[in-house]
Protein backbone atom coordinates (compact mmCIF):
# COMPACT_ATOMS: atom_id res chain seq x y z
CA UNK A 1 294.13 114.29 214.30
CA UNK A 2 293.79 115.76 217.74
CA UNK A 3 290.50 115.13 219.52
CA UNK A 4 288.51 117.44 221.73
CA UNK A 5 288.69 116.64 225.36
CA UNK A 6 285.86 116.96 227.82
CA UNK A 7 286.59 116.77 231.47
CA UNK A 8 284.05 116.25 234.23
CA UNK A 9 284.71 117.20 237.82
CA UNK A 10 282.54 116.21 240.74
CA UNK A 11 282.80 118.91 243.36
CA UNK A 12 280.90 120.49 246.22
CA UNK A 13 279.29 123.94 246.09
CA UNK A 14 277.20 126.21 248.28
CA UNK A 15 273.48 125.46 248.14
CA UNK A 16 271.24 127.61 245.97
CA UNK A 17 268.60 129.22 248.20
CA UNK A 18 265.10 129.88 246.80
CA UNK A 19 263.21 133.10 247.51
CA UNK A 20 260.27 132.58 249.86
CA UNK A 21 257.41 134.64 251.26
CA UNK A 22 255.78 133.49 254.50
CA UNK A 23 257.63 130.22 254.00
CA UNK A 24 255.65 129.63 250.79
CA UNK A 25 257.28 129.74 247.36
CA UNK A 26 255.50 131.90 244.81
CA UNK A 27 255.64 133.19 241.27
CA UNK A 28 254.42 136.53 239.97
CA UNK A 29 251.60 136.36 237.41
CA UNK A 30 249.81 139.23 235.66
CA UNK A 31 246.01 139.10 235.39
CA UNK A 32 244.51 139.27 231.91
CA UNK A 33 240.98 140.01 230.76
CA UNK A 34 238.62 137.33 232.07
CA UNK A 35 240.99 136.07 234.75
CA UNK A 36 239.69 135.12 238.13
CA UNK A 37 241.62 133.74 241.07
CA UNK A 38 241.23 130.15 239.89
CA UNK A 39 242.33 130.76 236.30
CA UNK A 40 245.25 132.93 237.42
CA UNK A 41 246.49 130.21 239.76
CA UNK A 42 246.23 127.63 236.99
CA UNK A 43 248.51 129.79 234.82
CA UNK A 44 251.40 129.05 237.16
CA UNK A 45 250.79 125.33 237.38
CA UNK A 46 249.19 124.25 240.68
CA UNK A 47 245.59 123.13 241.00
CA UNK A 48 243.58 125.85 242.81
CA UNK A 49 242.63 123.79 245.85
CA UNK A 50 241.01 125.54 248.84
CA UNK A 51 244.40 125.57 250.56
CA UNK A 52 246.15 127.15 247.53
CA UNK A 53 243.37 129.75 247.15
CA UNK A 54 243.69 130.67 250.83
CA UNK A 55 247.44 131.10 250.43
CA UNK A 56 246.89 133.21 247.31
CA UNK A 57 244.62 135.56 249.27
CA UNK A 58 247.15 135.78 252.10
CA UNK A 59 250.00 136.60 249.69
CA UNK A 60 247.95 139.34 248.03
CA UNK A 61 246.17 140.76 251.06
CA UNK A 62 245.50 144.45 250.57
CA UNK A 63 245.55 144.45 246.76
CA UNK A 64 242.55 142.23 246.04
CA UNK A 65 239.42 144.15 245.10
CA UNK A 66 236.66 142.75 247.27
CA UNK A 67 239.05 139.89 248.12
CA UNK A 68 237.92 137.94 245.04
CA UNK A 69 238.04 140.32 242.06
CA UNK A 70 241.27 140.73 240.10
CA UNK A 71 242.41 143.87 238.29
CA UNK A 72 243.49 143.48 234.67
CA UNK A 73 247.20 144.25 234.23
CA UNK A 74 248.03 143.93 237.93
CA UNK A 75 250.64 141.40 239.03
CA UNK A 76 249.79 138.94 241.81
CA UNK A 77 251.84 136.51 243.87
CA UNK A 78 250.64 133.00 243.16
CA UNK A 79 251.59 130.05 245.41
CA UNK A 80 253.57 127.56 243.40
CA UNK A 81 255.40 124.29 243.72
CA UNK A 82 258.21 126.07 241.91
CA UNK A 83 261.11 127.51 243.88
CA UNK A 84 262.81 130.71 242.82
CA UNK A 85 266.54 130.58 242.03
CA UNK A 86 267.63 134.08 240.94
CA UNK A 87 271.04 132.74 239.82
CA UNK A 88 269.35 131.31 236.71
CA UNK A 89 267.99 134.69 235.57
CA UNK A 90 264.40 135.91 235.32
CA UNK A 91 263.41 133.66 232.40
CA UNK A 92 264.55 130.49 234.15
CA UNK A 93 264.49 131.27 237.87
CA UNK A 94 261.25 129.37 238.62
CA UNK A 95 262.19 125.71 238.95
CA UNK A 96 259.72 122.93 239.71
CA UNK A 97 260.68 119.43 240.82
CA UNK A 98 259.75 116.90 238.15
CA UNK A 99 261.04 113.71 239.80
CA UNK A 100 262.96 112.41 242.82
CA UNK A 101 265.45 110.36 240.80
CA UNK A 102 268.41 112.30 242.22
CA UNK A 103 267.09 112.96 245.72
CA UNK A 104 269.91 112.59 248.23
CA UNK A 105 272.64 113.05 245.60
CA UNK A 106 274.88 116.11 245.79
CA UNK A 107 276.45 117.81 242.77
CA UNK A 108 279.06 120.54 242.64
CA UNK A 109 279.11 122.42 239.34
CA UNK A 110 282.13 124.54 238.43
CA UNK A 111 282.33 126.71 235.34
CA UNK A 112 285.96 127.06 234.33
CA UNK A 113 287.94 130.30 234.70
CA UNK A 114 285.90 133.40 235.62
CA UNK A 115 286.68 136.69 237.34
CA UNK A 116 289.83 138.23 235.88
CA UNK A 117 290.41 135.15 233.68
CA UNK A 118 287.98 134.72 230.75
CA UNK A 119 289.86 131.64 229.56
CA UNK A 120 290.64 131.31 225.88
CA UNK A 121 288.82 133.84 223.68
CA UNK A 122 287.68 132.67 220.28
CA UNK A 123 286.50 134.82 217.38
CA UNK A 124 283.05 134.23 215.92
CA UNK A 125 281.62 136.43 213.17
CA UNK A 126 283.95 139.23 214.18
CA UNK A 127 283.00 139.12 217.86
CA UNK A 128 284.80 137.70 220.88
CA UNK A 129 283.71 134.33 222.24
CA UNK A 130 284.96 133.95 225.85
CA UNK A 131 285.40 130.44 227.18
CA UNK A 132 284.21 131.25 230.70
CA UNK A 133 280.83 132.58 229.49
CA UNK A 134 280.09 129.50 227.35
CA UNK A 135 281.06 127.24 230.26
CA UNK A 136 279.01 129.28 232.74
CA UNK A 137 275.83 129.22 230.67
CA UNK A 138 276.09 125.45 230.15
CA UNK A 139 276.85 124.93 233.84
CA UNK A 140 273.71 126.81 234.88
CA UNK A 141 271.61 124.75 232.49
CA UNK A 142 273.02 121.55 233.98
CA UNK A 143 272.49 122.77 237.56
CA UNK A 144 268.85 123.63 236.82
CA UNK A 145 268.30 120.21 235.24
CA UNK A 146 269.64 118.47 238.34
CA UNK A 147 267.47 120.54 240.70
CA UNK A 148 264.41 119.43 238.71
CA UNK A 149 265.40 115.86 239.59
CA UNK A 150 265.49 116.73 243.36
CA UNK A 151 269.29 116.82 243.54
CA UNK A 152 271.15 119.09 245.95
CA UNK A 153 273.21 121.38 243.73
CA UNK A 154 276.01 123.82 244.53
CA UNK A 155 277.07 126.34 241.88
CA UNK A 156 280.62 127.38 242.75
CA UNK A 157 281.39 130.13 240.24
CA UNK A 158 278.55 132.68 240.18
CA UNK A 159 277.49 135.88 238.46
CA UNK A 160 274.49 137.86 239.70
CA UNK A 161 274.04 139.59 236.32
CA UNK A 162 274.29 136.60 234.00
CA UNK A 163 271.67 133.91 234.28
CA UNK A 164 270.88 131.35 231.60
CA UNK A 165 271.05 133.29 228.35
CA UNK A 166 269.36 132.31 225.10
CA UNK A 167 271.83 134.34 223.06
CA UNK A 168 274.59 133.59 220.57
CA UNK A 169 277.06 136.27 221.64
CA UNK A 170 278.51 136.90 225.10
CA UNK A 171 280.15 140.00 226.51
CA UNK A 172 283.29 139.60 228.56
CA UNK A 173 282.95 140.64 232.19
CA UNK A 174 284.98 140.09 235.35
CA UNK A 175 282.38 140.20 238.13
CA UNK A 176 282.10 136.47 238.80
CA UNK A 177 282.71 135.35 242.37
CA UNK A 178 282.61 132.17 244.45
CA UNK A 179 279.62 130.84 246.28
CA UNK A 180 279.88 132.39 249.71
CA UNK A 181 281.20 135.68 248.31
CA UNK A 182 284.85 134.79 247.83
CA UNK A 183 286.86 136.71 245.23
CA UNK A 184 288.21 134.94 242.15
CA UNK A 185 291.89 135.91 241.99
CA UNK A 186 294.15 136.20 238.98
CA UNK A 187 296.63 133.52 240.07
CA UNK A 188 295.66 130.22 238.44
CA UNK A 189 297.25 128.07 241.13
CA UNK A 190 295.44 129.99 243.86
CA UNK A 191 292.13 129.73 242.00
CA UNK A 192 292.47 125.97 241.82
CA UNK A 193 293.25 125.77 245.53
CA UNK A 194 290.32 128.03 246.39
CA UNK A 195 287.82 125.97 244.42
CA UNK A 196 289.10 122.71 245.79
CA UNK A 197 288.94 124.04 249.34
CA UNK A 198 285.29 125.08 248.90
CA UNK A 199 284.41 121.68 247.48
CA UNK A 200 286.17 119.70 250.19
CA UNK A 201 284.65 121.75 252.99
CA UNK A 202 281.16 121.15 251.66
CA UNK A 203 281.95 117.50 251.08
CA UNK A 204 282.71 117.07 254.77
CA UNK A 205 279.49 118.86 255.74
CA UNK A 206 277.34 116.66 253.51
CA UNK A 207 279.15 113.36 253.98
CA UNK A 208 276.89 112.10 256.77
CA UNK A 209 273.70 112.11 254.71
CA UNK A 210 274.53 112.28 250.99
CA UNK A 211 273.97 109.17 248.87
CA UNK A 212 276.75 110.36 246.59
CA UNK A 213 278.78 113.52 246.00
CA UNK A 214 280.14 114.45 242.60
CA UNK A 215 281.83 117.44 241.02
CA UNK A 216 281.73 118.50 237.38
CA UNK A 217 283.90 121.26 235.94
CA UNK A 218 283.05 122.56 232.49
CA UNK A 219 285.55 124.12 230.09
CA UNK A 220 285.99 124.66 226.36
CA UNK A 221 289.07 123.16 224.69
CA UNK A 222 291.59 125.53 223.13
CA UNK A 223 294.08 123.20 221.45
CA UNK A 224 294.77 123.19 217.74
CA UNK A 225 292.31 124.66 215.31
CA UNK A 226 292.35 122.79 212.02
CA UNK A 227 290.84 119.44 212.88
CA UNK A 228 287.36 118.01 212.38
CA UNK A 229 284.74 120.07 214.23
CA UNK A 230 282.78 117.95 216.67
CA UNK A 231 281.27 118.52 220.07
CA UNK A 232 282.28 115.12 221.35
CA UNK A 233 282.39 115.08 225.12
CA UNK A 234 285.62 113.62 226.41
CA UNK A 235 286.32 112.89 230.03
CA UNK A 236 289.30 113.21 232.35
CA UNK A 237 289.53 111.52 235.70
CA UNK A 238 292.18 110.90 238.34
CA UNK A 239 290.45 108.23 240.44
CA UNK A 240 288.64 104.93 239.98
CA UNK A 241 285.37 106.62 240.89
CA UNK A 242 285.96 109.38 238.35
CA UNK A 243 286.76 106.82 235.67
CA UNK A 244 283.62 104.80 236.46
CA UNK A 245 281.46 107.90 236.27
CA UNK A 246 283.16 108.96 233.05
CA UNK A 247 282.28 105.62 231.47
CA UNK A 248 278.60 106.09 232.25
CA UNK A 249 278.64 109.65 230.95
CA UNK A 250 280.51 108.64 227.79
CA UNK A 251 278.10 105.77 227.10
CA UNK A 252 275.15 108.12 227.58
CA UNK A 253 276.64 110.60 225.13
CA UNK A 254 277.20 107.83 222.60
CA UNK A 255 273.59 106.70 222.92
CA UNK A 256 272.29 110.25 222.48
CA UNK A 257 274.42 110.81 219.40
CA UNK A 258 273.16 107.54 217.92
CA UNK A 259 269.56 108.65 218.56
CA UNK A 260 269.70 112.29 217.53
CA UNK A 261 272.68 112.43 215.15
CA UNK A 262 272.76 108.97 213.53
CA UNK A 263 274.94 110.17 210.66
CA UNK A 264 277.76 111.09 213.01
CA UNK A 265 280.07 108.82 214.92
CA UNK A 266 280.65 109.75 218.55
CA UNK A 267 284.38 109.71 219.32
CA UNK A 268 284.39 110.69 222.96
CA UNK A 269 287.10 109.13 225.08
CA UNK A 270 288.31 108.96 228.65
CA UNK A 271 291.70 110.05 229.92
CA UNK A 272 292.23 108.43 233.31
CA UNK A 273 295.77 109.74 233.69
CA UNK A 274 294.85 113.41 233.87
CA UNK A 275 297.15 115.38 236.15
CA UNK A 276 294.94 118.26 237.27
CA UNK A 277 295.05 119.81 240.71
CA UNK A 278 291.28 119.83 241.23
CA UNK A 279 290.91 116.24 240.03
CA UNK A 280 293.76 115.03 242.20
CA UNK A 281 292.76 116.89 245.35
CA UNK A 282 288.95 116.94 245.42
CA UNK A 283 287.31 114.60 247.90
CA UNK A 284 284.20 113.86 245.80
CA UNK A 285 284.33 111.96 242.53
CA UNK A 286 285.56 114.46 239.96
CA UNK A 287 285.32 114.76 236.18
CA UNK A 288 286.12 117.57 233.72
CA UNK A 289 284.15 118.31 230.56
CA UNK A 290 285.49 120.11 227.51
CA UNK A 291 282.58 121.43 225.47
CA UNK A 292 284.36 121.71 222.13
CA UNK A 293 287.20 123.65 220.52
CA UNK A 294 286.72 127.38 220.97
CA UNK A 295 289.17 128.12 218.14
CA UNK A 296 287.42 126.05 215.50
CA UNK A 297 284.69 127.75 213.46
CA UNK A 298 282.57 124.58 213.35
CA UNK A 299 282.55 124.20 217.11
CA UNK A 300 282.06 127.92 217.61
CA UNK A 301 278.93 127.79 215.47
CA UNK A 302 277.58 124.94 217.58
CA UNK A 303 278.54 126.38 220.95
CA UNK A 304 276.91 129.74 220.35
CA UNK A 305 273.53 128.05 219.77
CA UNK A 306 271.60 127.98 223.07
CA UNK A 307 269.76 124.83 221.98
CA UNK A 308 273.06 122.97 221.66
CA UNK A 309 274.22 124.12 225.09
CA UNK A 310 270.92 122.91 226.53
CA UNK A 311 271.25 119.55 224.75
CA UNK A 312 274.69 118.99 226.28
CA UNK A 313 273.32 119.85 229.71
CA UNK A 314 270.38 117.46 229.17
CA UNK A 315 272.61 114.59 228.14
CA UNK A 316 274.99 115.12 231.05
CA UNK A 317 271.97 115.08 233.38
CA UNK A 318 270.79 111.80 231.86
CA UNK A 319 274.23 110.31 232.38
CA UNK A 320 274.26 111.37 236.01
CA UNK A 321 270.81 109.83 236.52
CA UNK A 322 272.08 106.56 235.08
CA UNK A 323 275.16 106.70 237.30
CA UNK A 324 272.91 107.22 240.33
CA UNK A 325 270.95 104.10 239.48
CA UNK A 326 267.95 105.88 238.07
CA UNK A 327 266.26 105.54 234.69
CA UNK A 328 266.48 108.39 232.22
CA UNK A 329 263.34 109.47 230.39
């Protein structure tokens, strides 16, 4: 019986830049009946201290009625500890830091394929299921998780139109590009060189201060089609560092399966003889993750569920926290 393979890459990406106004991050909140400045600010999270209230008034100068009275149905800019990352889409773009467990650690997240190459296309309930879209959505969820832990995160493959999507079906598009604006070409060998070059350049820039630098590349397996369906994360590595990281990630996955799916046996493994260009040529520790078998109906059913994609991203985050010496919640 052939097993699914999950491969993790540790790579370097361009930093995600939050939107700012007057140097102060903000979120947009609509006033409801009974709202005053203090209650509106509390809707977005921060305590309405005198400093926060003053910033609120500065952000909304000219639209406040009498400076202190809000208009029902009007949207206001509210100072927030959250930063805005448009790459995650409107529903998920506001990201607040929840801990500093990964502060100083750098992560490079690569969604496999993209641009003119959708990867393998599965069929689910009569519709197409493109590998690159599943990998991209899961990659964004992982990147957002890591930012919440104060990590520095670079998303290499990007799409301005597709943020995190709580949907079960994905359309195929070809407008993905590289961080920095580079075009994703059709040639597979050139794509691998391009991604590795971006990662290694950023690795050199961050080397002087980063506590660690790691790259993860997410794919969906396409081998076979008639074996046991299971989203068991398997790891591939081409270095001692990649193997060590894979062991932590595998052990974390096993623990999560034991906790949340006690009736299943986790069968994830590690292939430390993987001969992949990005693994062999990336300067950071690199691992590749296969998220399941895109040709198997059982895996397809699991992969189309946004909650399952989020769970995988959560468990990978917890493994990375453990590898960094932190304690997962």
